[in-house]
Amino acid sequence: MARVTLPESVPFDYQYLIQVLKDYSSPRNKISLMLKNKEMIRIKKGLYVASLEKADPFVLACLIYGPSYVSMESALSHLGLIPERVDVVTCMTSKRNKHFVTPAGRFSYTYLHVSAFSTGVDLVSGKSGGFFIATPEKALCDRVSLARSLRRRDMESFLAEELRIELEGLKLDAGRLKDIGKHYRNRSVQSFIGWYFASRKGR
């Protein structure tokens, strides 16, 4: 039979492959052969791409483990709020913490209580599909929430030194930040929100 045509950049799953290979006497054997011949790459059990170069890590992140969305350092870097390139795709999930090492890179998932999980998240289009990513306000709240008992007076040094954020250029949506803050029962998040509004006074 002719070479199997697969999506060039869009990830696909096992059920898709079975449908594409339905005319083969043994689709499972064909899948094994295609993997051996590097006609496709298995990201994890049941999830594949035809090309790592064309696959979007953020799109993969939401498919590898879910429900989840890209947040913290990965979102902050993507949004231009921190200067560093991030080697691990950092995500939040309403399930337990998880870490994956895949041919497409490393993916880390941190638990967030369901009451705060779904607020402040956008669905955006990547180069190989859509993915969920935190807004700047949500990404910062998620990251700050992991720093235990940060006080307002500690916040400037934490943001500038730990995250290397340019504080003079930090402009957040005040209404969105207040709304997101209502869903976090976390002292550090409340300290961050209080610090932000205090820092904007007189500017």
Foldseek 3Di string as FASTA:
>chain_A
DDDQDDDQAAKFFPVVQCVSCVPDPDSVVVVVVCCVVLCWFDFDHGIIHRDLVRYDVQNVQCVVDDPKAFAAPCLCVVVPQFPDDDQEGEMEHCDDWDWDQGPNGIYTYHHDHPLLGPAQWDWDADSHGIGIYGDPLSRVLVNQQVPAPDALVNPVCCCCPVRVGPVVPDDDDLVSNVVSLVSDPGNRSVSVNVNVVVVPPPD
